[in-house]
């Protein structure tokens, strides 16, 4: 799918990958571009720069997702591409309070479910529609310091896969974006991950370029970091060996 003359919604569009997607998509002359974010100040700034529409949206709220979709379609017509990009992350383990588990579950997974609930029937009826899920390399591999992030991103990958399998023959296209280290405000403030990600972060603009290319080719997995495909293949080829390798990495990067 090409983006010219398409109606597009991006959540989490106020900064980071979402902002980069918005700026890159705007270059493709969409018919309508709606940017949603919990932080209205930041998303309004991005929207003003590129001539898009800004909406304050808490993606964890089912009613807010419904309103975002309905308002967009009332203004521009049917949504062609919905980018479920909003996400959160923090360090945690099995001791983390259940409320923190639930918050990340609602944002990183259930927001995708809420959006799809209102998009899929219309897309199936039209015979077309595109869902872009922003997951993470952690959703294919793991994150050594953040179990909630890993689990919810695995779930996001799984949900995107299920949508593609279930509705692909009905004309619904699905891509799942799984980047690794990206130079975003979130990563720059997550100092606990510095030892793992290292200095070689790619820019969010490069991720956006990869997304445009991936959507043009209607690829399910969009992997801006080539190493992720190799790591994922290693995991599939010998799961036990991969787990042992990750254990060694855990001890070397985060001793004690």
Protein backbone atom coordinates (compact mmCIF):
# COMPACT_ATOMS: atom_id res chain seq x y z
CA UNK A 1 0.00 0.00 0.00
CA UNK A 2 1.14 3.51 -0.79
CA UNK A 3 0.16 6.39 1.47
CA UNK A 4 -0.85 9.06 -1.04
CA UNK A 5 -4.51 10.02 -0.60
CA UNK A 6 -4.93 7.67 2.38
CA UNK A 7 -6.61 8.45 5.68
CA UNK A 8 -4.15 7.67 8.46
CA UNK A 9 -4.29 7.64 12.25
CA UNK A 10 -1.17 7.42 14.44
CA UNK A 11 -1.33 6.97 18.21
CA UNK A 12 1.55 8.02 20.42
CA UNK A 13 2.36 10.61 17.75
CA UNK A 14 3.63 13.37 20.02
CA UNK A 15 7.23 12.19 20.18
CA UNK A 16 9.66 9.40 19.29
CA UNK A 17 8.71 6.87 16.63
CA UNK A 18 5.15 8.18 16.42
CA UNK A 19 6.34 11.70 15.67
CA UNK A 20 8.78 10.38 13.07
CA UNK A 21 6.01 8.38 11.42
CA UNK A 22 3.79 11.47 11.32
CA UNK A 23 6.46 13.63 9.73
CA UNK A 24 7.41 10.95 7.19
CA UNK A 25 3.81 10.09 6.30
CA UNK A 26 3.01 13.78 5.76
CA UNK A 27 5.53 13.75 2.90
CA UNK A 28 3.36 11.16 1.10
CA UNK A 29 0.37 13.54 0.72
CA UNK A 30 -2.25 11.62 2.69
CA UNK A 31 -5.89 12.64 2.36
CA UNK A 32 -6.11 12.97 6.13
CA UNK A 33 -3.60 12.55 8.93
CA UNK A 34 -4.79 12.38 12.54
CA UNK A 35 -2.27 12.34 15.38
CA UNK A 36 -3.32 11.07 18.79
CA UNK A 37 -1.39 11.26 22.04
CA UNK A 38 -2.05 11.50 25.76
CA UNK A 39 0.11 14.65 25.85
CA UNK A 40 -1.90 17.23 23.92
CA UNK A 41 0.83 19.86 24.04
CA UNK A 42 3.41 17.77 22.23
CA UNK A 43 1.03 16.29 19.66
CA UNK A 44 -0.43 19.71 18.84
CA UNK A 45 3.08 20.95 18.12
CA UNK A 46 3.79 18.10 15.72
CA UNK A 47 0.40 18.45 14.03
CA UNK A 48 0.87 22.21 13.56
CA UNK A 49 4.25 21.63 11.89
CA UNK A 50 2.89 19.23 9.27
CA UNK A 51 -0.72 20.32 8.81
CA UNK A 52 -2.28 17.34 10.59
CA UNK A 53 -5.10 17.05 13.11
CA UNK A 54 -4.27 16.50 16.80
CA UNK A 55 -6.43 14.59 19.25
CA UNK A 56 -5.81 13.93 22.94
CA UNK A 57 -6.42 10.23 23.46
CA UNK A 58 -5.83 7.75 26.26
CA UNK A 59 -5.44 4.60 24.17
CA UNK A 60 -6.04 2.37 27.19
CA UNK A 61 -9.66 3.62 27.27
CA UNK A 62 -11.98 1.64 24.95
CA UNK A 63 -14.34 4.61 24.56
CA UNK A 64 -11.48 6.93 23.65
CA UNK A 65 -10.41 4.59 20.86
CA UNK A 66 -13.96 4.46 19.56
CA UNK A 67 -14.22 8.24 19.61
CA UNK A 68 -10.88 8.68 17.84
CA UNK A 69 -11.94 6.35 15.03
CA UNK A 70 -15.43 7.80 14.68
CA UNK A 71 -14.22 11.43 14.68
CA UNK A 72 -11.61 10.63 12.04
CA UNK A 73 -14.08 8.85 9.79
CA UNK A 74 -16.68 11.60 10.22
CA UNK A 75 -14.12 14.14 9.02
CA UNK A 76 -12.15 12.26 6.36
CA UNK A 77 -14.03 9.08 5.55
CA UNK A 78 -12.93 5.49 6.18
CA UNK A 79 -9.54 5.00 7.81
CA UNK A 80 -7.07 3.31 5.47
CA UNK A 81 -4.14 2.89 7.87
CA UNK A 82 -4.27 2.77 11.66
CA UNK A 83 -0.91 2.89 13.43
CA UNK A 84 -1.23 1.46 16.95
CA UNK A 85 2.02 3.01 18.04
CA UNK A 86 1.46 4.28 21.60
CA UNK A 87 3.35 2.32 24.23
CA UNK A 88 5.00 2.54 27.62
CA UNK A 89 7.85 0.71 29.29
CA UNK A 90 9.72 0.50 32.57
CA UNK A 91 12.01 -1.82 34.48
CA UNK A 92 10.23 -4.58 36.35
CA UNK A 93 10.23 -8.22 37.35
CA UNK A 94 7.92 -10.77 38.97
CA UNK A 95 7.87 -8.61 42.13
CA UNK A 96 6.37 -5.59 40.37
CA UNK A 97 3.00 -4.42 41.67
CA UNK A 98 0.05 -5.88 39.72
CA UNK A 99 -1.26 -2.39 39.01
CA UNK A 100 1.90 -1.66 37.00
CA UNK A 101 1.44 -4.91 35.09
CA UNK A 102 -2.13 -3.91 34.31
CA UNK A 103 -1.25 -0.40 33.12
CA UNK A 104 1.32 -1.70 30.65
CA UNK A 105 -1.03 -4.46 29.51
CA UNK A 106 -3.75 -1.91 28.80
CA UNK A 107 -1.49 0.44 26.82
CA UNK A 108 0.79 -2.00 25.00
CA UNK A 109 -1.79 -4.63 24.08
CA UNK A 110 -5.40 -3.79 24.85
CA UNK A 111 -5.21 -0.46 23.03
CA UNK A 112 -4.58 -2.50 19.85
CA UNK A 113 -7.56 -4.71 20.65
CA UNK A 114 -9.82 -1.72 21.32
CA UNK A 115 -8.87 -0.12 18.00
CA UNK A 116 -9.24 -3.33 16.00
CA UNK A 117 -12.68 -3.93 17.49
CA UNK A 118 -13.97 -0.80 15.76
CA UNK A 119 -11.85 -1.01 12.60
CA UNK A 120 -12.08 -4.64 11.49
CA UNK A 121 -15.83 -4.85 10.70
CA UNK A 122 -15.63 -1.84 8.38
CA UNK A 123 -12.42 -3.04 6.76
CA UNK A 124 -13.84 -6.49 6.11
CA UNK A 125 -16.96 -4.92 4.59
CA UNK A 126 -14.79 -2.68 2.36
CA UNK A 127 -12.35 -5.46 1.55
CA UNK A 128 -9.38 -3.33 2.56
CA UNK A 129 -7.67 -1.70 5.52
CA UNK A 130 -4.21 -1.67 7.10
CA UNK A 131 -3.22 -2.15 10.74
CA UNK A 132 0.32 -1.25 11.82
CA UNK A 133 1.29 -2.54 15.25
CA UNK A 134 4.33 -1.00 16.91
CA UNK A 135 5.73 -3.80 19.04
CA UNK A 136 9.45 -4.20 19.71
CA UNK A 137 12.36 -6.54 19.20
CA UNK A 138 11.53 -7.49 22.81
CA UNK A 139 8.31 -8.96 21.42
CA UNK A 140 10.30 -11.39 19.29
CA UNK A 141 13.22 -11.89 21.68
CA UNK A 142 13.15 -10.53 25.24
CA UNK A 143 14.22 -7.56 27.35
CA UNK A 144 16.61 -8.48 30.14
CA UNK A 145 15.44 -5.85 32.60
CA UNK A 146 11.75 -5.43 31.86
CA UNK A 147 9.51 -8.47 32.06
CA UNK A 148 6.24 -6.52 31.71
CA UNK A 149 7.53 -4.84 28.57
CA UNK A 150 8.66 -8.15 27.09
CA UNK A 151 5.41 -9.95 27.89
CA UNK A 152 3.13 -7.20 26.59
CA UNK A 153 5.17 -6.73 23.42
CA UNK A 154 5.09 -10.49 22.79
CA UNK A 155 1.33 -10.21 23.14
CA UNK A 156 1.22 -7.31 20.67
CA UNK A 157 3.15 -9.37 18.10
CA UNK A 158 0.83 -12.31 18.69
CA UNK A 159 -2.29 -10.17 18.27
CA UNK A 160 -0.97 -8.64 15.03
CA UNK A 161 -0.16 -12.14 13.75
CA UNK A 162 -3.66 -13.34 14.64
CA UNK A 163 -5.27 -10.40 12.83
CA UNK A 164 -3.21 -11.10 9.74
CA UNK A 165 -4.03 -14.81 9.73
CA UNK A 166 -7.72 -14.31 10.47
CA UNK A 167 -8.55 -11.40 8.16
CA UNK A 168 -5.84 -11.49 5.50
CA UNK A 169 -8.09 -13.13 2.91
CA UNK A 170 -10.74 -10.49 3.66
CA UNK A 171 -8.38 -7.75 2.44
CA UNK A 172 -7.02 -6.59 5.81
CA UNK A 173 -3.26 -6.01 5.78
CA UNK A 174 -1.16 -6.10 8.94
CA UNK A 175 2.43 -5.10 9.65
CA UNK A 176 4.26 -5.45 12.95
CA UNK A 177 7.10 -3.02 13.65
CA UNK A 178 9.81 -4.50 15.88
CA UNK A 179 12.73 -2.10 16.33
CA UNK A 180 15.54 -2.50 18.84
CA UNK A 181 17.41 0.58 20.13
CA UNK A 182 15.98 3.85 18.75
CA UNK A 183 17.09 7.34 19.73
CA UNK A 184 13.85 8.57 21.30
CA UNK A 185 13.07 10.57 24.45
CA UNK A 186 11.95 7.33 26.13
CA UNK A 187 15.23 5.54 25.47
CA UNK A 188 17.34 8.58 26.36
CA UNK A 189 15.76 8.72 29.81
CA UNK A 190 15.94 4.94 30.39
CA UNK A 191 19.48 5.02 31.72
CA UNK A 192 19.14 1.50 33.15
CA UNK A 193 19.27 0.16 29.58
CA UNK A 194 22.44 1.97 28.51
CA UNK A 195 24.67 -1.06 29.07
CA UNK A 196 22.38 -3.23 26.96
CA UNK A 197 21.60 -0.89 24.05
CA UNK A 198 25.03 0.71 23.80
CA UNK A 199 25.77 3.81 21.75
CA UNK A 200 24.53 2.47 18.40
CA UNK A 201 20.95 3.70 18.44
CA UNK A 202 19.27 4.39 15.13
CA UNK A 203 17.25 7.53 14.57
CA UNK A 204 13.46 7.47 14.63
CA UNK A 205 13.46 8.90 11.09
CA UNK A 206 15.20 5.72 9.88
CA UNK A 207 12.47 3.66 11.52
CA UNK A 208 9.83 5.73 9.72
CA UNK A 209 11.58 5.14 6.39
CA UNK A 210 11.59 1.40 7.09
CA UNK A 211 7.87 1.54 7.86
CA UNK A 212 7.02 3.31 4.59
CA UNK A 213 9.02 0.68 2.71
CA UNK A 214 7.49 -2.18 4.71
CA UNK A 215 3.95 -0.95 4.11
CA UNK A 216 4.66 -0.50 0.40
CA UNK A 217 5.70 -4.17 0.28
CA UNK A 218 2.95 -5.20 2.73
CA UNK A 219 5.52 -7.03 4.87
CA UNK A 220 4.30 -8.49 8.14
CA UNK A 221 7.52 -7.98 10.10
CA UNK A 222 9.21 -4.60 9.74
CA UNK A 223 12.68 -4.84 11.26
CA UNK A 224 14.69 -1.60 11.05
CA UNK A 225 17.61 -3.36 12.78
CA UNK A 226 18.88 -6.22 10.53
CA UNK A 227 20.35 -8.05 13.54
CA UNK A 228 16.86 -8.69 14.92
CA UNK A 229 16.02 -11.07 12.07
CA UNK A 230 19.23 -13.01 12.70
CA UNK A 231 18.60 -13.20 16.46
CA UNK A 232 15.01 -14.31 15.83
CA UNK A 233 16.18 -17.04 13.46
CA UNK A 234 18.75 -18.22 16.01
CA UNK A 235 16.01 -18.42 18.62
CA UNK A 236 13.77 -20.48 16.34
CA UNK A 237 16.57 -22.79 15.20
CA UNK A 238 17.79 -23.73 18.68
CA UNK A 239 15.64 -22.34 21.48
CA UNK A 240 17.68 -23.88 24.32
CA UNK A 241 20.94 -22.56 22.94
CA UNK A 242 19.40 -19.12 22.51
CA UNK A 243 18.16 -19.09 26.13
CA UNK A 244 21.58 -20.08 27.39
CA UNK A 245 23.12 -17.27 25.34
CA UNK A 246 20.68 -14.79 26.86
CA UNK A 247 21.55 -16.04 30.35
CA UNK A 248 25.21 -15.35 29.67
CA UNK A 249 24.36 -11.90 28.32
CA UNK A 250 22.31 -11.19 31.43
CA UNK A 251 25.25 -12.06 33.70
CA UNK A 252 27.76 -10.07 31.64
CA UNK A 253 25.69 -6.90 31.17
CA UNK A 254 23.89 -6.85 34.52
CA UNK A 255 26.14 -8.69 36.99
CA UNK A 256 24.66 -9.26 40.42
